[in-house]
Amino acid sequence: MYDIAQRIAWESMVKVTGQEAGSAVRVSNVVIGMADTVSQVPAPGAPPEYTVRARLKHPDQNAYYGKDVRAFGSSSERWVIRVDINDETAEVAKPGYYPLISWNTATLGDGKFELRRGAAAGGELLADMKSAHSYQTTAKDGGTTQWFSIVWTHTTSTTCSTEICDGIDNNCDGNIDEGCCTGDLTGDGIISPGDALVAFRCYLVTGPCDPCADVDKSGSTTPSDALCLFREYFGVPSCLD
């Protein structure tokens, strides 16, 4: 189970293209996906003439689907695709031709997608489907009936880095923007005339000089820094914008 806040619904079409043979249907599509609720559409019947036909076989159901969108709840899912090659269709140009499986990587959701050979997902064909957009099937994938599995695994990645002033906990220490110069030189949580006074005293060298008193990052503390803080206090454009 993964964090509900990380669930982003997605649907992706997988296209199987067979050889051209007269007027026979040569393209067959299935749709997979994840969402808040299940959405399934039964697989249509076989066309009168076709060179390839694709269907989704649910691993836990004795049924075939043209669309199988699963409901969130598991961090991993597997879709089984059955590909039937009809090499007895009239006007078959290339006996032994094997279909092409393709997909749009932009529609694949968050997480990792693997293409595997067989209904049991035994042999890895593509470790990362987002790195390619198609797979050319071969005789190794079977004869006139081929089985493939798409394995989806939800993944989350957190990359820790140096903290910067962007409202994000970049260094993963539980604190946000620590050590950043925000203009609050008095440490009271707001920008006020008192902060401008601290900056001006720093310029005059008559009081403590906070490293963050160089509000406009010019390299030294000047009256411009105090002016910047006054402008921020009055809500007009300032160097802190």
Protein backbone atom coordinates (compact mmCIF):
# COMPACT_ATOMS: atom_id res chain seq x y z
CA MET A 1 0.00 0.00 0.00
CA TYR A 2 1.28 3.46 -0.80
CA ASP A 3 0.37 6.98 0.26
CA ILE A 4 -3.06 7.97 -1.06
CA ALA A 5 -1.70 11.45 -1.80
CA GLN A 6 0.66 9.95 -4.39
CA ARG A 7 -2.11 8.32 -6.47
CA ILE A 8 -2.39 9.79 -9.94
CA ALA A 9 -4.86 8.13 -12.29
CA TRP A 10 -3.63 7.15 -15.74
CA GLU A 11 -4.69 5.17 -18.81
CA SER A 12 -2.49 3.97 -21.65
CA MET A 13 -3.31 2.30 -24.94
CA VAL A 14 -1.21 -0.65 -26.11
CA LYS A 15 -1.40 -1.19 -29.86
CA VAL A 16 -0.65 -4.45 -31.62
CA THR A 17 -0.06 -4.16 -35.35
CA GLY A 18 -0.07 -7.16 -37.65
CA GLN A 19 0.78 -7.52 -41.30
CA GLU A 20 -1.27 -5.97 -44.05
CA ALA A 21 -3.47 -8.45 -45.88
CA GLY A 22 -6.17 -7.01 -48.08
CA SER A 23 -9.08 -5.66 -46.06
CA ALA A 24 -8.32 -7.77 -43.01
CA VAL A 25 -8.11 -5.95 -39.68
CA ARG A 26 -4.44 -5.55 -38.80
CA VAL A 27 -4.49 -3.29 -35.71
CA SER A 28 -5.85 -4.29 -32.33
CA ASN A 29 -5.76 -2.07 -29.22
CA VAL A 30 -6.13 -2.68 -25.50
CA VAL A 31 -6.18 -0.14 -22.67
CA ILE A 32 -4.64 -0.52 -19.23
CA GLY A 33 -4.56 1.92 -16.35
CA MET A 34 -5.03 2.77 -12.68
CA ALA A 35 -7.76 4.91 -11.12
CA ASP A 36 -9.88 5.31 -8.01
CA THR A 37 -12.45 2.85 -9.35
CA VAL A 38 -12.32 -0.19 -11.63
CA SER A 39 -13.26 0.36 -15.29
CA GLN A 40 -13.45 -2.72 -17.51
CA VAL A 41 -14.76 -3.20 -21.03
CA PRO A 42 -15.18 -6.73 -22.40
CA ALA A 43 -13.05 -7.63 -25.39
CA PRO A 44 -14.95 -7.39 -28.68
CA GLY A 45 -15.52 -10.47 -30.78
CA ALA A 46 -13.09 -11.46 -33.48
CA PRO A 47 -13.50 -9.59 -36.81
CA PRO A 48 -14.50 -11.67 -39.84
CA GLU A 49 -10.97 -11.31 -41.16
CA TYR A 50 -7.93 -10.19 -39.23
CA THR A 51 -4.20 -10.75 -39.09
CA VAL A 52 -3.81 -9.93 -35.40
CA ARG A 53 -6.08 -9.72 -32.37
CA ALA A 54 -5.17 -8.52 -28.86
CA ARG A 55 -7.07 -9.06 -25.63
CA LEU A 56 -6.40 -8.58 -21.93
CA LYS A 57 -6.72 -11.68 -19.74
CA HIS A 58 -7.19 -10.73 -16.10
CA PRO A 59 -4.86 -12.88 -13.96
CA ASP A 60 -7.59 -13.38 -11.33
CA GLN A 61 -10.67 -13.53 -13.56
CA ASN A 62 -11.78 -15.94 -16.26
CA ALA A 63 -12.57 -13.15 -18.69
CA TYR A 64 -11.05 -11.16 -21.53
CA TYR A 65 -11.12 -7.38 -21.69
CA GLY A 66 -10.42 -4.66 -24.21
CA LYS A 67 -9.97 -2.20 -21.35
CA ASP A 68 -8.85 -3.07 -17.84
CA VAL A 69 -8.33 -0.13 -15.50
CA ARG A 70 -7.57 -1.31 -11.98
CA ALA A 71 -8.43 0.43 -8.71
CA PHE A 72 -5.69 1.84 -6.51
CA GLY A 73 -4.82 -0.28 -3.52
CA SER A 74 -1.77 -2.29 -4.50
CA SER A 75 1.74 -1.03 -5.21
CA SER A 76 2.07 -3.48 -8.13
CA GLU A 77 -0.21 -4.76 -10.90
CA ARG A 78 0.16 -7.11 -13.85
CA TRP A 79 -1.76 -7.02 -17.13
CA VAL A 80 -1.65 -10.10 -19.35
CA ILE A 81 -2.00 -9.54 -23.09
CA ARG A 82 -2.99 -12.36 -25.41
CA VAL A 83 -2.00 -11.83 -29.04
CA ASP A 84 -3.54 -14.10 -31.66
CA ILE A 85 -1.94 -14.19 -35.10
CA ASN A 86 -4.25 -15.33 -37.88
CA ASP A 87 -1.98 -16.65 -40.60
CA GLU A 88 -4.90 -18.24 -42.47
CA THR A 89 -6.42 -14.91 -43.48
CA ALA A 90 -6.85 -14.54 -47.22
CA GLU A 91 -4.14 -12.65 -49.05
CA VAL A 92 -1.56 -13.10 -46.28
CA ALA A 93 1.52 -11.48 -47.72
CA LYS A 94 4.15 -12.76 -45.31
CA PRO A 95 3.55 -16.10 -43.65
CA GLY A 96 5.37 -16.16 -40.33
CA TYR A 97 5.14 -12.40 -39.87
CA TYR A 98 5.16 -11.35 -36.22
CA PRO A 99 3.30 -8.30 -34.94
CA LEU A 100 4.62 -5.11 -33.42
CA ILE A 101 3.55 -4.02 -29.93
CA SER A 102 3.69 -0.27 -29.35
CA TRP A 103 2.65 2.29 -26.75
CA ASN A 104 2.87 6.00 -25.99
CA THR A 105 5.39 6.52 -23.19
CA ALA A 106 3.80 9.88 -22.34
CA THR A 107 0.60 8.17 -21.21
CA LEU A 108 2.28 5.65 -18.94
CA GLY A 109 1.65 6.69 -15.35
CA ASP A 110 4.03 7.19 -12.47
CA GLY A 111 6.11 4.18 -11.58
CA LYS A 112 8.04 1.46 -13.35
CA PHE A 113 6.70 -0.49 -16.34
CA GLU A 114 8.23 -3.78 -17.49
CA LEU A 115 7.33 -5.81 -20.56
CA ARG A 116 7.72 -9.53 -19.94
CA ARG A 117 7.21 -12.64 -22.02
CA GLY A 118 4.46 -15.06 -21.02
CA ALA A 119 1.28 -14.89 -18.96
CA ALA A 120 3.29 -15.57 -15.82
CA ALA A 121 5.69 -12.70 -16.56
CA GLY A 122 8.62 -15.08 -16.69
CA GLY A 123 11.01 -13.60 -19.25
CA GLU A 124 12.03 -9.95 -19.24
CA LEU A 125 11.82 -8.26 -22.64
CA LEU A 126 12.02 -4.60 -21.63
CA ALA A 127 13.07 -3.59 -18.14
CA ASP A 128 11.81 -0.04 -18.68
CA MET A 129 8.96 0.53 -21.13
CA LYS A 130 9.43 4.28 -20.74
CA SER A 131 12.80 3.98 -22.47
CA ALA A 132 11.26 2.67 -25.70
CA HIS A 133 7.95 2.91 -27.54
CA SER A 134 7.64 -0.51 -29.16
CA TYR A 135 8.66 -4.15 -29.15
CA GLN A 136 8.94 -6.31 -32.26
CA THR A 137 7.70 -9.78 -31.41
CA THR A 138 9.57 -12.81 -32.73
CA ALA A 139 9.20 -16.56 -33.02
CA LYS A 140 10.61 -16.83 -29.49
CA ASP A 141 7.43 -15.23 -28.18
CA GLY A 142 5.28 -18.10 -29.42
CA GLY A 143 3.47 -19.31 -32.50
CA THR A 144 0.03 -18.13 -33.53
CA THR A 145 -0.81 -17.34 -29.91
CA GLN A 146 1.58 -15.18 -27.91
CA TRP A 147 1.35 -14.05 -24.29
CA PHE A 148 2.91 -10.96 -22.78
CA SER A 149 2.74 -9.31 -19.37
CA ILE A 150 3.04 -5.66 -18.44
CA VAL A 151 4.16 -5.32 -14.84
CA TRP A 152 3.61 -1.96 -13.17
CA THR A 153 5.27 -1.09 -9.88
CA HIS A 154 4.52 2.15 -8.09
CA THR A 155 7.77 3.79 -7.09
CA THR A 156 8.58 6.90 -5.12
CA SER A 157 11.96 8.55 -5.17
CA THR A 158 13.26 11.22 -2.89
CA THR A 159 16.51 12.90 -3.83
CA CYS A 160 18.11 14.86 -1.01
CA SER A 161 20.27 17.83 -1.93
CA THR A 162 21.64 21.08 -0.56
CA GLU A 163 18.98 23.24 1.08
CA ILE A 164 17.92 26.25 -0.99
CA CYS A 165 15.29 28.92 -0.37
CA ASP A 166 12.38 27.41 -2.29
CA GLY A 167 9.88 26.38 0.38
CA ILE A 168 10.93 22.70 0.11
CA ASP A 169 12.88 20.49 2.51
CA ASN A 170 15.67 19.87 -0.01
CA ASN A 171 18.11 18.16 2.37
CA CYS A 172 15.45 15.88 3.89
CA ASP A 173 16.15 16.88 7.50
CA GLY A 174 12.56 17.77 8.32
CA ASN A 175 13.18 21.53 8.21
CA ILE A 176 12.29 23.92 5.39
CA ASP A 177 14.61 26.66 4.12
CA GLU A 178 16.79 26.58 7.25
CA GLY A 179 19.75 28.92 6.94
CA CYS A 180 18.10 30.90 4.18
CA CYS A 181 18.11 34.70 4.20
CA THR A 182 14.48 35.80 4.11
CA GLY A 183 14.90 39.38 5.33
CA ASP A 184 13.64 38.57 8.83
CA LEU A 185 16.75 39.88 10.57
CA THR A 186 15.09 40.12 14.00
CA GLY A 187 13.86 36.54 13.92
CA ASP A 188 10.28 37.40 14.84
CA GLY A 189 8.81 35.66 11.81
CA ILE A 190 7.74 38.79 9.91
CA ILE A 191 9.29 41.58 7.87
CA SER A 192 9.04 44.87 9.82
CA PRO A 193 10.74 48.27 10.11
CA GLY A 194 12.85 46.64 12.82
CA ASP A 195 14.50 44.48 10.17
CA ALA A 196 15.27 47.56 8.08
CA LEU A 197 16.80 49.17 11.16
CA VAL A 198 19.07 46.16 11.73
CA ALA A 199 20.27 46.37 8.12
CA PHE A 200 20.89 50.12 8.35
CA ARG A 201 22.82 49.76 11.63
CA CYS A 202 24.93 47.11 9.95
CA TYR A 203 25.69 49.58 7.17
CA LEU A 204 26.67 52.22 9.76
CA VAL A 205 28.63 49.62 11.74
CA THR A 206 26.75 50.66 14.88
CA GLY A 207 25.21 47.31 15.67
CA PRO A 208 25.41 43.56 15.06
CA CYS A 209 25.84 42.71 11.40
CA ASP A 210 23.88 39.61 10.42
CA PRO A 211 25.29 37.90 7.30
CA CYS A 212 21.77 38.06 5.88
CA ALA A 213 21.71 41.87 6.18
CA ASP A 214 22.92 41.95 2.57
CA VAL A 215 19.31 41.45 1.54
CA ASP A 216 19.75 42.30 -2.12
CA LYS A 217 22.84 40.07 -2.36
CA SER A 218 25.01 42.87 -3.75
CA GLY A 219 28.05 41.71 -1.81
CA SER A 220 27.83 44.29 0.98
CA THR A 221 25.23 45.84 3.26
CA THR A 222 24.07 49.25 2.01
CA PRO A 223 21.09 51.58 2.55
CA SER A 224 19.49 49.76 -0.39
CA ASP A 225 19.06 46.71 1.83
CA ALA A 226 17.16 48.73 4.44
CA LEU A 227 15.05 50.28 1.66
CA CYS A 228 14.31 46.83 0.28
CA LEU A 229 12.99 45.72 3.66
CA PHE A 230 10.85 48.83 4.01
CA ARG A 231 9.36 48.22 0.57
CA GLU A 232 8.62 44.60 1.50
CA TYR A 233 6.98 45.77 4.73
CA PHE A 234 4.74 48.22 2.84
CA GLY A 235 3.82 45.57 0.28
CA VAL A 236 5.39 47.20 -2.76
CA PRO A 237 7.85 45.51 -5.16
CA SER A 238 11.17 44.83 -3.47
CA CYS A 239 14.39 42.89 -3.93
CA LEU A 240 12.78 39.99 -2.03
CA ASP A 241 10.17 39.40 -4.74
